[in-house]
Amino acid sequence: MATATRLIKKYPNRRLYDTQTSAYITLADVKQLVLANEDFKVIDAKSSEDLTRSILLQIILEEEAGGTPIFSSAMLAQIIRFYGHAMQGMMGSYLEKTMQAFVEIQNKMQEQSKSFYDAKGMPNPELWAQFMSMQAPMVQAMMGNYIEQSKNLFVQMQEQMQAQTRSMFQNFTFPGAPGAPGGQSGSGGSAPAGGHGGGRSGGSGSSGGSGNDPQR
């Protein structure tokens, strides 16, 4: 049976109310829900607007302000530059998939480490020593796969961007370009017409003079 999403309401006084426990909670409590992998949603108590992302960003801001930050100033600046950029949507997808790949690596390492504990939850010294000696090359291999996946994902994004660009301009022809309406035929026909026209006008001028003689 699927667990219902935990609903948290945010009131105008900025307090958060957990409808499951019928009590007010803090950002620290919300952080614990995240760490416990609990499915929750934060909404505005009056408008029911979804505020989950806003609350999560507040938690990230507090974590970045204290302790060891994850995001460097350079990285944050690069992220900001993608807002309003043509690749903003792709960048969001790229970061999300990259994070998923990293989490998969972390989960594999945790699963492998479980086998080094006995039934009482105590680590087996010999097996643990073997695990620690193998950890460096294992992590290196996993990180190598992770980096390769990230590269492939970025290449796919570039190819997708190029395909969209080609599709956008495939049926577009510039005025005057070969094959464009009024392009070659229009410009090619106008030059000879102008040249012959000039010749004919000169001829008509001289013939015009002789043509006026009979009238006189």
N, C-alpha and C. Protein backbone atom coordinates (compact mmCIF):
# COMPACT_ATOMS: atom_id res chain seq x y z
N MET A 1 0.84 -1.20 0.00
CA MET A 1 0.00 0.00 0.00
C MET A 1 0.88 1.25 0.00
N ALA A 2 0.62 2.14 -0.94
CA ALA A 2 1.42 3.35 -1.06
C ALA A 2 1.16 4.31 0.10
N THR A 3 2.23 4.89 0.61
CA THR A 3 2.10 5.83 1.71
C THR A 3 1.67 7.19 1.17
N ALA A 4 0.68 7.79 1.85
CA ALA A 4 0.18 9.09 1.41
C ALA A 4 1.25 10.16 1.63
N THR A 5 1.26 11.14 0.75
CA THR A 5 2.23 12.23 0.86
C THR A 5 1.95 13.05 2.12
N ARG A 6 2.98 13.28 2.89
CA ARG A 6 2.84 14.05 4.13
C ARG A 6 2.65 15.53 3.78
N LEU A 7 1.60 16.13 4.31
CA LEU A 7 1.27 17.51 3.97
C LEU A 7 1.70 18.46 5.08
N ILE A 8 2.45 19.48 4.68
CA ILE A 8 2.90 20.51 5.62
C ILE A 8 2.39 21.86 5.12
N LYS A 9 1.78 22.61 6.03
CA LYS A 9 1.22 23.91 5.65
C LYS A 9 2.08 25.04 6.21
N LYS A 10 2.28 26.04 5.36
CA LYS A 10 3.03 27.22 5.80
C LYS A 10 2.07 28.38 5.98
N TYR A 11 2.08 28.96 7.16
CA TYR A 11 1.15 30.05 7.49
C TYR A 11 1.83 31.41 7.29
N PRO A 12 1.02 32.47 7.24
CA PRO A 12 1.58 33.82 7.01
C PRO A 12 2.66 34.23 8.01
N ASN A 13 2.60 33.67 9.22
CA ASN A 13 3.63 33.98 10.22
C ASN A 13 4.91 33.16 10.00
N ARG A 14 4.96 32.48 8.83
CA ARG A 14 6.13 31.71 8.39
C ARG A 14 6.33 30.43 9.18
N ARG A 15 5.35 30.07 9.98
CA ARG A 15 5.45 28.83 10.73
C ARG A 15 4.96 27.67 9.87
N LEU A 16 5.57 26.51 10.09
CA LEU A 16 5.23 25.30 9.34
C LEU A 16 4.42 24.36 10.22
N TYR A 17 3.31 23.88 9.68
CA TYR A 17 2.42 23.01 10.45
C TYR A 17 2.34 21.64 9.78
N ASP A 18 2.74 20.61 10.53
CA ASP A 18 2.70 19.24 10.02
C ASP A 18 1.32 18.65 10.29
N THR A 19 0.57 18.39 9.22
CA THR A 19 -0.80 17.89 9.39
C THR A 19 -0.83 16.44 9.89
N GLN A 20 0.28 15.72 9.76
CA GLN A 20 0.30 14.33 10.21
C GLN A 20 0.45 14.24 11.72
N THR A 21 1.29 15.12 12.29
CA THR A 21 1.50 15.10 13.74
C THR A 21 0.68 16.17 14.45
N SER A 22 0.00 17.01 13.65
CA SER A 22 -0.79 18.12 14.21
C SER A 22 0.05 18.99 15.14
N ALA A 23 1.23 19.36 14.64
CA ALA A 23 2.15 20.18 15.44
C ALA A 23 2.97 21.07 14.51
N TYR A 24 3.45 22.18 15.08
CA TYR A 24 4.32 23.07 14.31
C TYR A 24 5.73 22.48 14.28
N ILE A 25 6.40 22.63 13.15
CA ILE A 25 7.75 22.09 12.99
C ILE A 25 8.68 23.18 12.45
N THR A 26 9.96 22.88 12.45
CA THR A 26 10.97 23.84 11.97
C THR A 26 11.62 23.31 10.69
N LEU A 27 12.49 24.14 10.11
CA LEU A 27 13.23 23.70 8.93
C LEU A 27 14.11 22.49 9.25
N ALA A 28 14.62 22.45 10.48
CA ALA A 28 15.44 21.31 10.89
C ALA A 28 14.62 20.02 10.87
N ASP A 29 13.35 20.12 11.25
CA ASP A 29 12.46 18.95 11.21
C ASP A 29 12.21 18.51 9.76
N VAL A 30 12.04 19.50 8.89
CA VAL A 30 11.82 19.18 7.47
C VAL A 30 13.07 18.51 6.90
N LYS A 31 14.24 18.98 7.32
CA LYS A 31 15.49 18.36 6.88
C LYS A 31 15.54 16.89 7.28
N GLN A 32 15.07 16.59 8.49
CA GLN A 32 15.05 15.20 8.96
C GLN A 32 14.11 14.34 8.11
N LEU A 33 13.02 14.94 7.64
CA LEU A 33 12.11 14.21 6.75
C LEU A 33 12.81 13.87 5.44
N VAL A 34 13.61 14.81 4.96
CA VAL A 34 14.37 14.58 3.72
C VAL A 34 15.37 13.45 3.93
N LEU A 35 16.10 13.49 5.05
CA LEU A 35 17.10 12.46 5.34
C LEU A 35 16.46 11.09 5.53
N ALA A 36 15.22 11.08 6.01
CA ALA A 36 14.50 9.82 6.22
C ALA A 36 13.79 9.35 4.95
N ASN A 37 13.99 10.08 3.84
CA ASN A 37 13.35 9.74 2.56
C ASN A 37 11.83 9.74 2.63
N GLU A 38 11.29 10.61 3.46
CA GLU A 38 9.83 10.71 3.58
C GLU A 38 9.28 11.58 2.46
N ASP A 39 8.17 11.15 1.89
CA ASP A 39 7.53 11.91 0.82
C ASP A 39 6.63 12.97 1.45
N PHE A 40 6.94 14.23 1.19
CA PHE A 40 6.14 15.31 1.78
C PHE A 40 5.95 16.44 0.78
N LYS A 41 5.01 17.30 1.11
CA LYS A 41 4.72 18.45 0.25
C LYS A 41 4.38 19.64 1.15
N VAL A 42 4.96 20.79 0.84
CA VAL A 42 4.70 22.01 1.60
C VAL A 42 3.83 22.93 0.76
N ILE A 43 2.72 23.36 1.33
CA ILE A 43 1.81 24.25 0.60
C ILE A 43 1.51 25.49 1.43
N ASP A 44 1.10 26.55 0.75
CA ASP A 44 0.66 27.77 1.43
C ASP A 44 -0.70 27.49 2.06
N ALA A 45 -0.86 27.84 3.32
CA ALA A 45 -2.09 27.53 4.05
C ALA A 45 -3.32 28.20 3.44
N LYS A 46 -3.15 29.36 2.81
CA LYS A 46 -4.29 30.09 2.24
C LYS A 46 -4.53 29.76 0.77
N SER A 47 -3.48 29.86 -0.03
CA SER A 47 -3.64 29.69 -1.48
C SER A 47 -3.40 28.26 -1.96
N SER A 48 -2.85 27.40 -1.11
CA SER A 48 -2.51 26.01 -1.47
C SER A 48 -1.40 25.94 -2.53
N GLU A 49 -0.67 27.04 -2.70
CA GLU A 49 0.46 27.06 -3.64
C GLU A 49 1.56 26.12 -3.15
N ASP A 50 2.15 25.37 -4.07
CA ASP A 50 3.21 24.43 -3.72
C ASP A 50 4.49 25.19 -3.39
N LEU A 51 4.95 25.06 -2.15
CA LEU A 51 6.14 25.77 -1.68
C LEU A 51 7.30 24.82 -1.37
N THR A 52 7.18 23.57 -1.82
CA THR A 52 8.18 22.56 -1.48
C THR A 52 9.58 22.97 -1.93
N ARG A 53 9.71 23.40 -3.18
CA ARG A 53 11.02 23.81 -3.69
C ARG A 53 11.60 24.97 -2.89
N SER A 54 10.74 25.92 -2.54
CA SER A 54 11.18 27.09 -1.78
C SER A 54 11.75 26.68 -0.42
N ILE A 55 11.07 25.74 0.25
CA ILE A 55 11.52 25.27 1.56
C ILE A 55 12.83 24.50 1.43
N LEU A 56 12.93 23.66 0.41
CA LEU A 56 14.16 22.89 0.20
C LEU A 56 15.34 23.81 -0.09
N LEU A 57 15.09 24.87 -0.86
CA LEU A 57 16.14 25.84 -1.14
C LEU A 57 16.59 26.56 0.14
N GLN A 58 15.65 26.81 1.05
CA GLN A 58 16.00 27.44 2.33
C GLN A 58 16.92 26.52 3.14
N ILE A 59 16.61 25.22 3.10
CA ILE A 59 17.45 24.25 3.82
C ILE A 59 18.85 24.21 3.22
N ILE A 60 18.92 24.20 1.89
CA ILE A 60 20.22 24.21 1.21
C ILE A 60 21.01 25.47 1.56
N LEU A 61 20.32 26.61 1.60
CA LEU A 61 20.97 27.88 1.93
C LEU A 61 21.57 27.83 3.33
N GLU A 62 20.83 27.27 4.29
CA GLU A 62 21.33 27.16 5.66
C GLU A 62 22.54 26.22 5.73
N GLU A 63 22.45 25.11 4.99
CA GLU A 63 23.56 24.15 5.00
C GLU A 63 24.81 24.74 4.34
N GLU A 64 24.60 25.52 3.27
CA GLU A 64 25.73 26.12 2.57
C GLU A 64 26.39 27.22 3.41
N ALA A 65 25.57 27.88 4.25
CA ALA A 65 26.10 28.98 5.07
C ALA A 65 26.97 28.46 6.21
N GLY A 66 26.68 27.26 6.69
CA GLY A 66 27.44 26.69 7.79
C GLY A 66 28.10 25.39 7.38
N GLY A 67 29.26 25.11 7.96
CA GLY A 67 29.95 23.87 7.63
C GLY A 67 30.68 23.96 6.30
N THR A 68 30.84 22.81 5.66
CA THR A 68 31.53 22.76 4.37
C THR A 68 30.52 22.81 3.24
N PRO A 69 30.55 23.86 2.43
CA PRO A 69 29.57 23.99 1.35
C PRO A 69 29.84 23.01 0.20
N ILE A 70 28.80 22.66 -0.52
CA ILE A 70 28.92 21.81 -1.70
C ILE A 70 29.18 22.65 -2.94
N PHE A 71 28.50 23.79 -3.01
CA PHE A 71 28.60 24.65 -4.19
C PHE A 71 29.66 25.74 -3.99
N SER A 72 30.60 25.82 -4.91
CA SER A 72 31.58 26.90 -4.88
C SER A 72 30.95 28.15 -5.51
N SER A 73 31.58 29.29 -5.30
CA SER A 73 31.08 30.54 -5.90
C SER A 73 31.08 30.45 -7.42
N ALA A 74 32.13 29.83 -7.97
CA ALA A 74 32.23 29.69 -9.43
C ALA A 74 31.10 28.83 -9.98
N MET A 75 30.79 27.74 -9.25
CA MET A 75 29.72 26.84 -9.71
C MET A 75 28.36 27.53 -9.65
N LEU A 76 28.13 28.27 -8.57
CA LEU A 76 26.86 29.00 -8.44
C LEU A 76 26.72 30.05 -9.54
N ALA A 77 27.83 30.72 -9.87
CA ALA A 77 27.81 31.72 -10.94
C ALA A 77 27.47 31.07 -12.27
N GLN A 78 28.04 29.88 -12.52
CA GLN A 78 27.75 29.17 -13.77
C GLN A 78 26.29 28.77 -13.84
N ILE A 79 25.72 28.32 -12.72
CA ILE A 79 24.31 27.93 -12.69
C ILE A 79 23.43 29.14 -12.97
N ILE A 80 23.76 30.28 -12.37
CA ILE A 80 22.97 31.50 -12.57
C ILE A 80 22.98 31.90 -14.04
N ARG A 81 24.11 31.72 -14.71
CA ARG A 81 24.22 32.11 -16.12
C ARG A 81 23.31 31.28 -17.03
N PHE A 82 22.92 30.10 -16.57
CA PHE A 82 22.05 29.26 -17.40
C PHE A 82 20.59 29.69 -17.33
N TYR A 83 20.22 30.52 -16.35
CA TYR A 83 18.84 31.00 -16.27
C TYR A 83 18.56 31.94 -17.44
N GLY A 84 17.51 31.63 -18.20
CA GLY A 84 17.18 32.43 -19.37
C GLY A 84 17.93 32.00 -20.61
N HIS A 85 18.88 31.07 -20.45
CA HIS A 85 19.65 30.57 -21.60
C HIS A 85 18.83 29.52 -22.35
N ALA A 86 19.15 29.34 -23.62
CA ALA A 86 18.42 28.36 -24.44
C ALA A 86 18.57 26.95 -23.90
N MET A 87 19.67 26.68 -23.19
CA MET A 87 19.92 25.33 -22.67
C MET A 87 19.54 25.19 -21.20
N GLN A 88 18.74 26.11 -20.67
CA GLN A 88 18.36 26.04 -19.25
C GLN A 88 17.67 24.72 -18.92
N GLY A 89 16.68 24.34 -19.74
CA GLY A 89 15.95 23.10 -19.48
C GLY A 89 16.85 21.88 -19.56
N MET A 90 17.74 21.86 -20.54
CA MET A 90 18.66 20.74 -20.70
C MET A 90 19.64 20.66 -19.54
N MET A 91 20.09 21.82 -19.05
CA MET A 91 21.03 21.85 -17.94
C MET A 91 20.39 21.28 -16.69
N GLY A 92 19.12 21.62 -16.45
CA GLY A 92 18.41 21.07 -15.30
C GLY A 92 18.32 19.56 -15.37
N SER A 93 17.99 19.05 -16.56
CA SER A 93 17.90 17.60 -16.77
C SER A 93 19.26 16.94 -16.60
N TYR A 94 20.31 17.60 -17.09
CA TYR A 94 21.67 17.07 -16.99
C TYR A 94 22.10 16.95 -15.53
N LEU A 95 21.86 18.00 -14.74
CA LEU A 95 22.25 17.97 -13.33
C LEU A 95 21.47 16.90 -12.56
N GLU A 96 20.18 16.76 -12.89
CA GLU A 96 19.34 15.78 -12.20
C GLU A 96 19.81 14.35 -12.49
N LYS A 97 20.10 14.06 -13.77
CA LYS A 97 20.55 12.72 -14.14
C LYS A 97 21.94 12.43 -13.59
N THR A 98 22.78 13.46 -13.54
CA THR A 98 24.11 13.28 -12.97
C THR A 98 24.02 12.96 -11.49
N MET A 99 23.12 13.64 -10.78
CA MET A 99 22.92 13.36 -9.36
C MET A 99 22.39 11.94 -9.15
N GLN A 100 21.47 11.49 -10.02
CA GLN A 100 20.94 10.13 -9.93
C GLN A 100 22.05 9.10 -10.10
N ALA A 101 22.95 9.35 -11.06
CA ALA A 101 24.06 8.43 -11.29
C ALA A 101 24.98 8.37 -10.07
N PHE A 102 25.22 9.51 -9.44
CA PHE A 102 26.08 9.56 -8.26
C PHE A 102 25.42 8.83 -7.09
N VAL A 103 24.11 8.98 -6.93
CA VAL A 103 23.38 8.30 -5.86
C VAL A 103 23.43 6.79 -6.06
N GLU A 104 23.35 6.34 -7.31
CA GLU A 104 23.43 4.91 -7.61
C GLU A 104 24.79 4.35 -7.18
N ILE A 105 25.85 5.10 -7.43
CA ILE A 105 27.19 4.68 -7.00
C ILE A 105 27.24 4.58 -5.48
N GLN A 106 26.68 5.57 -4.81
CA GLN A 106 26.66 5.58 -3.34
C GLN A 106 25.89 4.38 -2.79
N ASN A 107 24.75 4.07 -3.40
CA ASN A 107 23.93 2.94 -2.95
C ASN A 107 24.66 1.61 -3.14
N LYS A 108 25.39 1.47 -4.26
CA LYS A 108 26.15 0.25 -4.51
C LYS A 108 27.23 0.05 -3.45
N MET A 109 27.89 1.12 -3.09
CA MET A 109 28.94 1.04 -2.07
C MET A 109 28.35 0.65 -0.71
N GLN A 110 27.18 1.20 -0.39
CA GLN A 110 26.53 0.87 0.87
C GLN A 110 26.10 -0.59 0.91
N GLU A 111 25.58 -1.09 -0.22
CA GLU A 111 25.16 -2.49 -0.29
C GLU A 111 26.35 -3.42 -0.12
N GLN A 112 27.47 -3.07 -0.75
CA GLN A 112 28.66 -3.91 -0.65
C GLN A 112 29.23 -3.91 0.76
N SER A 113 29.13 -2.78 1.45
CA SER A 113 29.69 -2.70 2.80
C SER A 113 28.86 -3.49 3.82
N LYS A 114 27.58 -3.75 3.52
CA LYS A 114 26.72 -4.49 4.45
C LYS A 114 27.22 -5.92 4.67
N SER A 115 27.83 -6.49 3.65
CA SER A 115 28.28 -7.88 3.74
C SER A 115 29.46 -8.04 4.70
N PHE A 116 30.03 -6.95 5.16
CA PHE A 116 31.18 -7.02 6.05
C PHE A 116 30.79 -6.91 7.53
N TYR A 117 29.48 -7.00 7.81
CA TYR A 117 29.00 -6.99 9.19
C TYR A 117 28.37 -8.33 9.51
N ASP A 118 28.52 -8.76 10.76
CA ASP A 118 27.92 -10.04 11.16
C ASP A 118 26.47 -9.84 11.55
N ALA A 119 25.83 -10.90 12.04
CA ALA A 119 24.40 -10.87 12.38
C ALA A 119 24.10 -9.87 13.49
N LYS A 120 25.09 -9.60 14.34
CA LYS A 120 24.89 -8.66 15.44
C LYS A 120 25.19 -7.22 15.04
N GLY A 121 25.55 -7.03 13.79
CA GLY A 121 25.84 -5.68 13.33
C GLY A 121 27.26 -5.23 13.61
N MET A 122 28.11 -6.17 14.02
CA MET A 122 29.51 -5.84 14.30
C MET A 122 30.35 -6.11 13.05
N PRO A 123 31.30 -5.22 12.74
CA PRO A 123 32.13 -5.43 11.55
C PRO A 123 33.11 -6.58 11.73
N ASN A 124 33.27 -7.37 10.67
CA ASN A 124 34.25 -8.45 10.66
C ASN A 124 35.61 -7.84 10.32
N PRO A 125 36.56 -7.88 11.26
CA PRO A 125 37.84 -7.19 11.05
C PRO A 125 38.56 -7.59 9.77
N GLU A 126 38.59 -8.91 9.47
CA GLU A 126 39.32 -9.36 8.29
C GLU A 126 38.64 -8.90 7.00
N LEU A 127 37.33 -9.09 6.95
CA LEU A 127 36.59 -8.69 5.75
C LEU A 127 36.63 -7.17 5.58
N TRP A 128 36.55 -6.47 6.71
CA TRP A 128 36.58 -5.00 6.64
C TRP A 128 37.94 -4.50 6.14
N ALA A 129 39.00 -5.17 6.56
CA ALA A 129 40.34 -4.80 6.10
C ALA A 129 40.46 -5.02 4.59
N GLN A 130 39.89 -6.15 4.12
CA GLN A 130 39.90 -6.42 2.69
C GLN A 130 39.10 -5.36 1.93
N PHE A 131 37.96 -4.99 2.51
CA PHE A 131 37.11 -3.99 1.86
C PHE A 131 37.83 -2.65 1.75
N MET A 132 38.52 -2.25 2.84
CA MET A 132 39.22 -0.97 2.83
C MET A 132 40.37 -0.98 1.83
N SER A 133 41.03 -2.13 1.68
CA SER A 133 42.14 -2.21 0.72
C SER A 133 41.64 -2.17 -0.72
N MET A 134 40.41 -2.66 -0.92
CA MET A 134 39.82 -2.67 -2.26
C MET A 134 39.04 -1.39 -2.55
N GLN A 135 38.82 -0.59 -1.52
CA GLN A 135 37.93 0.56 -1.68
C GLN A 135 38.46 1.58 -2.68
N ALA A 136 39.75 1.90 -2.59
CA ALA A 136 40.31 2.93 -3.47
C ALA A 136 40.15 2.58 -4.95
N PRO A 137 40.59 1.39 -5.41
CA PRO A 137 40.38 1.07 -6.83
C PRO A 137 38.92 0.94 -7.20
N MET A 138 38.10 0.44 -6.26
CA MET A 138 36.68 0.28 -6.54
C MET A 138 36.02 1.65 -6.73
N VAL A 139 36.33 2.57 -5.83
CA VAL A 139 35.77 3.92 -5.94
C VAL A 139 36.27 4.59 -7.21
N GLN A 140 37.54 4.37 -7.53
CA GLN A 140 38.11 4.96 -8.74
C GLN A 140 37.38 4.44 -9.98
N ALA A 141 37.08 3.13 -10.00
CA ALA A 141 36.38 2.55 -11.14
C ALA A 141 34.96 3.10 -11.24
N MET A 142 34.29 3.19 -10.09
CA MET A 142 32.93 3.72 -10.08
C MET A 142 32.90 5.17 -10.53
N MET A 143 33.85 5.96 -10.03
CA MET A 143 33.90 7.37 -10.42
C MET A 143 34.24 7.52 -11.90
N GLY A 144 35.06 6.57 -12.41
CA GLY A 144 35.37 6.59 -13.84
C GLY A 144 34.12 6.37 -14.67
N ASN A 145 33.31 5.39 -14.23
CA ASN A 145 32.04 5.13 -14.93
C ASN A 145 31.10 6.32 -14.81
N TYR A 146 31.10 6.93 -13.63
CA TYR A 146 30.24 8.09 -13.39
C TYR A 146 30.62 9.25 -14.30
N ILE A 147 31.92 9.52 -14.41
CA ILE A 147 32.39 10.61 -15.28
C ILE A 147 32.08 10.31 -16.74
N GLU A 148 32.25 9.03 -17.13
CA GLU A 148 31.96 8.64 -18.51
C GLU A 148 30.48 8.82 -18.82
N GLN A 149 29.61 8.45 -17.86
CA GLN A 149 28.18 8.65 -18.05
C GLN A 149 27.85 10.13 -18.18
N SER A 150 28.52 10.96 -17.37
CA SER A 150 28.28 12.40 -17.44
C SER A 150 28.69 12.95 -18.80
N LYS A 151 29.85 12.47 -19.31
CA LYS A 151 30.30 12.91 -20.63
C LYS A 151 29.30 12.51 -21.71
N ASN A 152 28.87 11.24 -21.66
CA ASN A 152 27.92 10.76 -22.66
C ASN A 152 26.62 11.54 -22.61
N LEU A 153 26.17 11.85 -21.40
CA LEU A 153 24.94 12.61 -21.24
C LEU A 153 25.08 14.00 -21.83
N PHE A 154 26.23 14.63 -21.59
CA PHE A 154 26.45 15.97 -22.13
C PHE A 154 26.53 15.94 -23.66
N VAL A 155 27.17 14.90 -24.20
CA VAL A 155 27.24 14.76 -25.67
C VAL A 155 25.85 14.59 -26.25
N GLN A 156 25.01 13.80 -25.57
CA GLN A 156 23.63 13.62 -26.02
C GLN A 156 22.88 14.94 -26.01
N MET A 157 23.13 15.75 -24.99
CA MET A 157 22.49 17.06 -24.92
C MET A 157 22.92 17.93 -26.09
N GLN A 158 24.21 17.91 -26.41
CA GLN A 158 24.71 18.70 -27.53
C GLN A 158 24.10 18.24 -28.85
N GLU A 159 24.04 16.92 -29.04
CA GLU A 159 23.47 16.38 -30.27
C GLU A 159 22.00 16.73 -30.39
N GLN A 160 21.29 16.67 -29.26
CA GLN A 160 19.88 17.04 -29.26
C GLN A 160 19.70 18.51 -29.62
N MET A 161 20.58 19.36 -29.08
CA MET A 161 20.53 20.79 -29.37
C MET A 161 20.80 21.04 -30.85
N GLN A 162 21.79 20.36 -31.41
CA GLN A 162 22.12 20.53 -32.82
C GLN A 162 21.00 20.04 -33.72
N ALA A 163 20.38 18.91 -33.33
CA ALA A 163 19.26 18.38 -34.12
C ALA A 163 18.09 19.34 -34.12
N GLN A 164 17.81 19.94 -32.97
CA GLN A 164 16.72 20.91 -32.88
C GLN A 164 17.02 22.14 -33.72
N THR A 165 18.29 22.57 -33.73
CA THR A 165 18.68 23.73 -34.53
C THR A 165 18.53 23.44 -36.01
N ARG A 166 19.01 22.25 -36.44
CA ARG A 166 18.87 21.87 -37.85
C ARG A 166 17.41 21.78 -38.26
N SER A 167 16.59 21.20 -37.39
CA SER A 167 15.17 21.08 -37.69
C SER A 167 14.50 22.44 -37.79
N MET A 168 14.97 23.39 -36.98
CA MET A 168 14.38 24.72 -36.95
C MET A 168 14.66 25.47 -38.25
N PHE A 169 15.89 25.31 -38.77
CA PHE A 169 16.30 26.07 -39.95
C PHE A 169 16.25 25.26 -41.25
N GLN A 170 15.80 24.02 -41.16
CA GLN A 170 15.80 23.16 -42.33
C GLN A 170 14.94 23.71 -43.47
N ASN A 171 13.75 24.17 -43.14
CA ASN A 171 12.82 24.65 -44.15
C ASN A 171 12.83 26.17 -44.29
N PHE A 172 13.83 26.79 -43.67
CA PHE A 172 13.91 28.25 -43.75
C PHE A 172 14.92 28.64 -44.81
N THR A 173 14.51 29.50 -45.77
CA THR A 173 15.41 29.97 -46.82
C THR A 173 15.56 31.48 -46.73
N PHE A 174 16.79 31.94 -46.85
CA PHE A 174 17.05 33.37 -46.77
C PHE A 174 16.76 34.03 -48.12
N PRO A 175 16.22 35.22 -48.14
CA PRO A 175 15.96 35.94 -49.39
C PRO A 175 17.24 36.11 -50.19
N GLY A 176 17.17 35.80 -51.49
CA GLY A 176 18.34 35.95 -52.35
C GLY A 176 19.22 34.73 -52.39
N ALA A 177 18.94 33.73 -51.50
CA ALA A 177 19.76 32.52 -51.48
C ALA A 177 19.31 31.60 -52.60
N PRO A 178 20.21 30.72 -53.09
CA PRO A 178 19.83 29.77 -54.14
C PRO A 178 18.64 28.93 -53.70
N GLY A 179 17.63 28.84 -54.53
CA GLY A 179 16.45 28.07 -54.21
C GLY A 179 15.39 28.85 -53.49
N ALA A 180 15.70 30.09 -53.06
CA ALA A 180 14.72 30.90 -52.36
C ALA A 180 13.78 31.54 -53.37
N PRO A 181 12.50 31.75 -53.00
CA PRO A 181 11.56 32.41 -53.90
C PRO A 181 12.08 33.79 -54.29
N GLY A 182 12.15 34.03 -55.62
CA GLY A 182 12.66 35.32 -56.08
C GLY A 182 14.14 35.46 -55.88
N GLY A 183 14.83 34.29 -55.69
CA GLY A 183 16.26 34.33 -55.42
C GLY A 183 17.05 34.37 -56.69
N GLN A 184 17.48 33.17 -57.17
CA GLN A 184 18.32 33.12 -58.36
C GLN A 184 17.58 33.62 -59.59
N SER A 185 16.33 33.11 -59.79
CA SER A 185 15.61 33.47 -61.00
C SER A 185 15.31 34.95 -61.04
N GLY A 186 15.01 35.53 -59.86
CA GLY A 186 14.67 36.95 -59.83
C GLY A 186 15.88 37.81 -60.09
N SER A 187 16.99 37.49 -59.37
CA SER A 187 18.17 38.33 -59.51
C SER A 187 18.88 38.06 -60.82
N GLY A 188 18.84 36.75 -61.27
CA GLY A 188 19.49 36.41 -62.52
C GLY A 188 18.80 37.03 -63.70
N GLY A 189 17.45 37.12 -63.61
CA GLY A 189 16.70 37.68 -64.73
C GLY A 189 16.77 39.18 -64.78
N SER A 190 16.99 39.82 -63.63
CA SER A 190 16.94 41.28 -63.60
C SER A 190 18.17 41.89 -64.24
N ALA A 191 19.34 41.21 -64.08
CA ALA A 191 20.57 41.79 -64.63
C ALA A 191 20.55 41.83 -66.14
N PRO A 192 20.23 40.69 -66.83
CA PRO A 192 20.18 40.75 -68.28
C PRO A 192 19.12 41.70 -68.77
N ALA A 193 17.99 41.74 -68.05
CA ALA A 193 16.92 42.64 -68.48
C ALA A 193 17.38 44.07 -68.42
N GLY A 194 18.13 44.38 -67.35
CA GLY A 194 18.63 45.76 -67.22
C GLY A 194 19.60 46.08 -68.33
N GLY A 195 20.49 45.09 -68.65
CA GLY A 195 21.49 45.34 -69.68
C GLY A 195 20.85 45.53 -71.05
N HIS A 196 19.95 44.60 -71.37
CA HIS A 196 19.28 44.70 -72.67
C HIS A 196 18.41 45.93 -72.71
N GLY A 197 17.83 46.22 -71.57
CA GLY A 197 16.95 47.39 -71.52
C GLY A 197 17.72 48.64 -71.83
N GLY A 198 18.95 48.69 -71.26
CA GLY A 198 19.77 49.88 -71.50
C GLY A 198 20.14 49.98 -72.96
N GLY A 199 20.46 48.78 -73.56
CA GLY A 199 20.82 48.79 -74.97
C GLY A 199 19.65 49.20 -75.83
N ARG A 200 18.49 48.69 -75.45
CA ARG A 200 17.31 49.01 -76.24
C ARG A 200 16.93 50.47 -76.10
N SER A 201 17.14 51.02 -74.91
CA SER A 201 16.79 52.44 -74.74
C SER A 201 17.68 53.32 -75.57
N GLY A 202 18.97 52.89 -75.67
CA GLY A 202 19.89 53.67 -76.50
C GLY A 202 19.48 53.57 -77.95
N GLY A 203 19.10 52.33 -78.35
CA GLY A 203 18.68 52.14 -79.72
C GLY A 203 17.42 52.88 -80.04
N SER A 204 16.51 52.88 -79.07
CA SER A 204 15.24 53.56 -79.31
C SER A 204 15.43 55.05 -79.38
N GLY A 205 16.51 55.51 -78.67
CA GLY A 205 16.78 56.95 -78.72
C GLY A 205 17.20 57.35 -80.12
N SER A 206 18.10 56.55 -80.73
CA SER A 206 18.57 56.90 -82.07
C SER A 206 17.50 56.67 -83.11
N SER A 207 16.76 55.55 -82.93
CA SER A 207 15.69 55.30 -83.89
C SER A 207 14.55 56.26 -83.69
N GLY A 208 14.46 56.73 -82.45
CA GLY A 208 13.39 57.69 -82.16
C GLY A 208 13.59 58.96 -82.95
N GLY A 209 14.88 59.33 -83.09
CA GLY A 209 15.16 60.57 -83.83
C GLY A 209 14.77 60.41 -85.29
N SER A 210 15.11 59.25 -85.86
CA SER A 210 14.76 59.03 -87.26
C SER A 210 13.28 58.83 -87.42
N GLY A 211 12.68 58.35 -86.31
CA GLY A 211 11.24 58.13 -86.37
C GLY A 211 10.47 59.42 -86.38
N ASN A 212 11.07 60.50 -85.86
CA ASN A 212 10.36 61.78 -85.83
C ASN A 212 10.44 62.52 -87.16
N ASP A 213 11.41 62.11 -87.97
CA ASP A 213 11.59 62.82 -89.26
C ASP A 213 10.35 62.75 -90.16
N PRO A 214 9.72 61.56 -90.30
CA PRO A 214 8.54 61.52 -91.18
C PRO A 214 7.45 62.45 -90.69
N GLN A 215 7.37 62.62 -89.29
CA GLN A 215 6.30 63.48 -88.78
C GLN A 215 6.56 64.92 -89.14
N ARG A 216 7.87 65.26 -89.24
CA ARG A 216 8.14 66.63 -89.63
C ARG A 216 7.89 66.78 -91.11
